[in-house]
Amino acid sequence: MELAIEEQVPVLRFPEFDGEWKEKKVKDVLKRVSLPVKVAESEYYREIGIRSHGKGVFHKEPVTGKSLGDKRVFWVQEDTFIVNIVFAWEQAVAKTTKDEVGFIASHRFPMYEPLDNQSYLDYMVYFFLTKRGKSLLELASPGGEHTAKN
């Protein structure tokens, strides 16, 4: 898309938008959500995983609370942007849906919801699949350049 740099107004745009575009930080448009699970050893839980390269969420087989041990886990919320921080460098990002309600995710899968309707989750996933988004994920991923990738 071509931009008129001086004014920061896209040359091509939808009619319902006007004015200059503004660059914002993720923290200004998304807020972290987390509902900790009080794990019961005898209960069964289903965890999620996130496929790399934006290929979505997958569901794991049920496990007992005892097998989770001391792992910190959280209830998956519907309609959130979620990232696997260990594999963020591989663009392990997704949007949760109603299909994940009742599932759990470890503390390595932070979830974010739009802050004051300032973001569109499908766009957030798309953005982090771009070259610029990938480079930002690489900077934030503990499994980055010099560890898991080699």
Protein backbone atom coordinates (compact mmCIF):
# COMPACT_ATOMS: atom_id res chain seq x y z
CA MET A 1 0.00 0.00 0.00
CA GLU A 2 1.37 3.41 -0.93
CA LEU A 3 1.39 6.04 1.82
CA ALA A 4 1.52 9.79 1.62
CA ILE A 5 4.43 10.01 4.08
CA GLU A 6 4.05 13.65 5.07
CA GLU A 7 0.45 13.19 6.20
CA GLN A 8 0.44 9.46 7.11
CA VAL A 9 -2.77 8.97 5.19
CA PRO A 10 -3.13 5.88 2.97
CA VAL A 11 -3.67 6.69 -0.70
CA LEU A 12 -6.06 3.73 -0.95
CA ARG A 13 -8.53 3.26 1.91
CA PHE A 14 -12.05 2.18 2.77
CA PRO A 15 -14.60 5.04 2.77
CA GLU A 16 -15.58 4.55 6.43
CA PHE A 17 -12.07 5.60 7.55
CA ASP A 18 -10.60 9.07 7.51
CA GLY A 19 -7.75 11.03 9.01
CA GLU A 20 -4.18 9.97 9.65
CA TRP A 21 -3.22 6.47 10.71
CA LYS A 22 -1.42 6.08 14.00
CA GLU A 23 1.22 3.57 14.94
CA LYS A 24 0.48 1.93 18.30
CA LYS A 25 2.24 -0.52 20.57
CA VAL A 26 0.64 -3.92 21.14
CA LYS A 27 0.22 -3.11 24.84
CA ASP A 28 -1.98 -0.17 23.84
CA VAL A 29 -4.46 -2.31 21.89
CA LEU A 30 -4.40 -5.69 23.68
CA LYS A 31 -4.66 -6.63 27.34
CA ARG A 32 -3.45 -9.85 28.91
CA VAL A 33 -6.09 -12.20 30.27
CA SER A 34 -5.40 -15.10 32.59
CA LEU A 35 -7.68 -17.27 34.68
CA PRO A 36 -5.51 -19.63 36.75
CA VAL A 37 -6.68 -23.23 37.07
CA LYS A 38 -6.80 -24.71 40.54
CA VAL A 39 -5.60 -28.15 39.47
CA ALA A 40 -7.11 -31.18 41.19
CA GLU A 41 -4.90 -34.28 40.98
CA SER A 42 -7.80 -36.65 40.21
CA GLU A 43 -9.44 -34.45 37.53
CA TYR A 44 -8.75 -34.69 33.81
CA TYR A 45 -7.68 -31.66 31.78
CA ARG A 46 -7.16 -31.03 28.08
CA GLU A 47 -4.36 -28.77 26.99
CA ILE A 48 -3.95 -26.91 23.74
CA GLY A 49 -0.92 -26.43 21.56
CA ILE A 50 -0.23 -23.90 18.82
CA ARG A 51 1.14 -24.90 15.44
CA SER A 52 3.98 -22.87 13.98
CA HIS A 53 3.60 -20.51 11.02
CA GLY A 54 0.10 -19.42 12.03
CA LYS A 55 -1.45 -22.84 11.41
CA GLY A 56 -3.73 -22.61 14.44
CA VAL A 57 -4.56 -24.29 17.71
CA PHE A 58 -4.60 -28.04 18.25
CA HIS A 59 -6.10 -30.07 21.08
CA LYS A 60 -4.09 -32.55 23.14
CA GLU A 61 -5.31 -35.75 24.76
CA PRO A 62 -6.71 -35.51 28.31
CA VAL A 63 -4.26 -35.76 31.21
CA THR A 64 -4.75 -35.98 34.95
CA GLY A 65 -4.06 -33.06 37.23
CA LYS A 66 -1.45 -35.24 38.92
CA SER A 67 0.48 -35.58 35.67
CA LEU A 68 0.54 -31.78 35.30
CA GLY A 69 2.56 -31.57 38.50
CA ASP A 70 3.47 -28.01 39.44
CA LYS A 71 2.89 -26.64 35.93
CA ARG A 72 1.07 -23.31 36.02
CA VAL A 73 -1.97 -23.57 33.76
CA PHE A 74 -4.77 -21.21 32.78
CA TRP A 75 -8.26 -21.59 31.34
CA VAL A 76 -8.31 -20.82 27.63
CA GLN A 77 -10.56 -17.89 26.83
CA GLU A 78 -12.60 -17.58 23.65
CA ASP A 79 -11.62 -14.93 21.09
CA THR A 80 -8.13 -14.11 22.28
CA PHE A 81 -4.82 -13.67 20.51
CA ILE A 82 -2.54 -16.39 21.85
CA VAL A 83 1.15 -17.06 21.34
CA ASN A 84 3.47 -19.90 22.29
CA ILE A 85 6.39 -17.86 23.61
CA VAL A 86 8.86 -20.73 23.25
CA PHE A 87 8.15 -21.05 19.53
CA ALA A 88 7.17 -17.44 18.83
CA TRP A 89 10.19 -17.22 16.51
CA GLU A 90 8.41 -19.83 14.36
CA GLN A 91 5.28 -17.65 14.35
CA ALA A 92 3.35 -19.93 16.74
CA VAL A 93 0.43 -17.49 17.01
CA ALA A 94 -3.32 -18.05 16.78
CA LYS A 95 -6.77 -16.84 17.66
CA THR A 96 -8.77 -18.93 20.13
CA THR A 97 -12.39 -19.85 19.42
CA LYS A 98 -15.34 -21.35 21.26
CA ASP A 99 -13.82 -24.77 20.43
CA GLU A 100 -11.09 -24.14 23.03
CA VAL A 101 -13.39 -23.19 25.92
CA GLY A 102 -12.82 -25.69 28.73
CA PHE A 103 -9.23 -26.36 27.66
CA ILE A 104 -6.13 -25.24 29.53
CA ALA A 105 -2.82 -23.71 28.45
CA SER A 106 0.47 -23.37 30.28
CA HIS A 107 1.98 -20.06 31.35
CA ARG A 108 3.98 -20.19 28.10
CA PHE A 109 0.79 -19.46 26.14
CA PRO A 110 -0.20 -15.92 27.11
CA MET A 111 -3.62 -14.80 25.89
CA TYR A 112 -4.68 -11.27 24.98
CA GLU A 113 -8.04 -9.69 24.26
CA PRO A 114 -8.75 -6.40 22.50
CA LEU A 115 -8.46 -3.36 24.74
CA ASP A 116 -11.47 -1.08 24.31
CA ASN A 117 -12.22 -2.55 20.85
CA GLN A 118 -8.96 -1.08 19.52
CA SER A 119 -7.85 -4.20 17.66
CA TYR A 120 -9.14 -6.91 15.40
CA LEU A 121 -7.76 -10.32 16.41
CA ASP A 122 -7.61 -11.74 12.90
CA TYR A 123 -5.46 -8.75 11.94
CA MET A 124 -3.17 -9.35 14.94
CA VAL A 125 -2.56 -12.93 13.80
CA TYR A 126 -2.00 -11.72 10.24
CA PHE A 127 0.41 -8.99 11.38
CA PHE A 128 2.59 -11.46 13.30
CA LEU A 129 2.79 -13.64 10.20
CA THR A 130 4.38 -10.79 8.22
CA LYS A 131 8.14 -10.28 7.98
CA ARG A 132 7.99 -7.35 10.43
CA GLY A 133 5.80 -9.29 12.87
CA LYS A 134 8.13 -12.28 12.70
CA SER A 135 11.14 -10.15 13.55
CA LEU A 136 9.32 -8.75 16.59
CA LEU A 137 8.43 -12.28 17.71
CA GLU A 138 12.05 -13.37 17.30
CA LEU A 139 13.12 -10.58 19.65
CA ALA A 140 10.59 -11.64 22.28
CA SER A 141 11.01 -15.44 22.05
CA PRO A 142 13.14 -17.20 24.66
CA GLY A 143 13.54 -20.02 22.12
CA GLY A 144 15.12 -17.57 19.73
CA GLU A 145 18.19 -17.38 17.53
CA HIS A 146 20.76 -19.09 19.73
CA THR A 147 18.80 -21.84 21.45
CA ALA A 148 16.05 -24.06 20.08
CA LYS A 149 16.47 -22.88 16.50
CA ASN A 150 19.98 -24.31 16.11
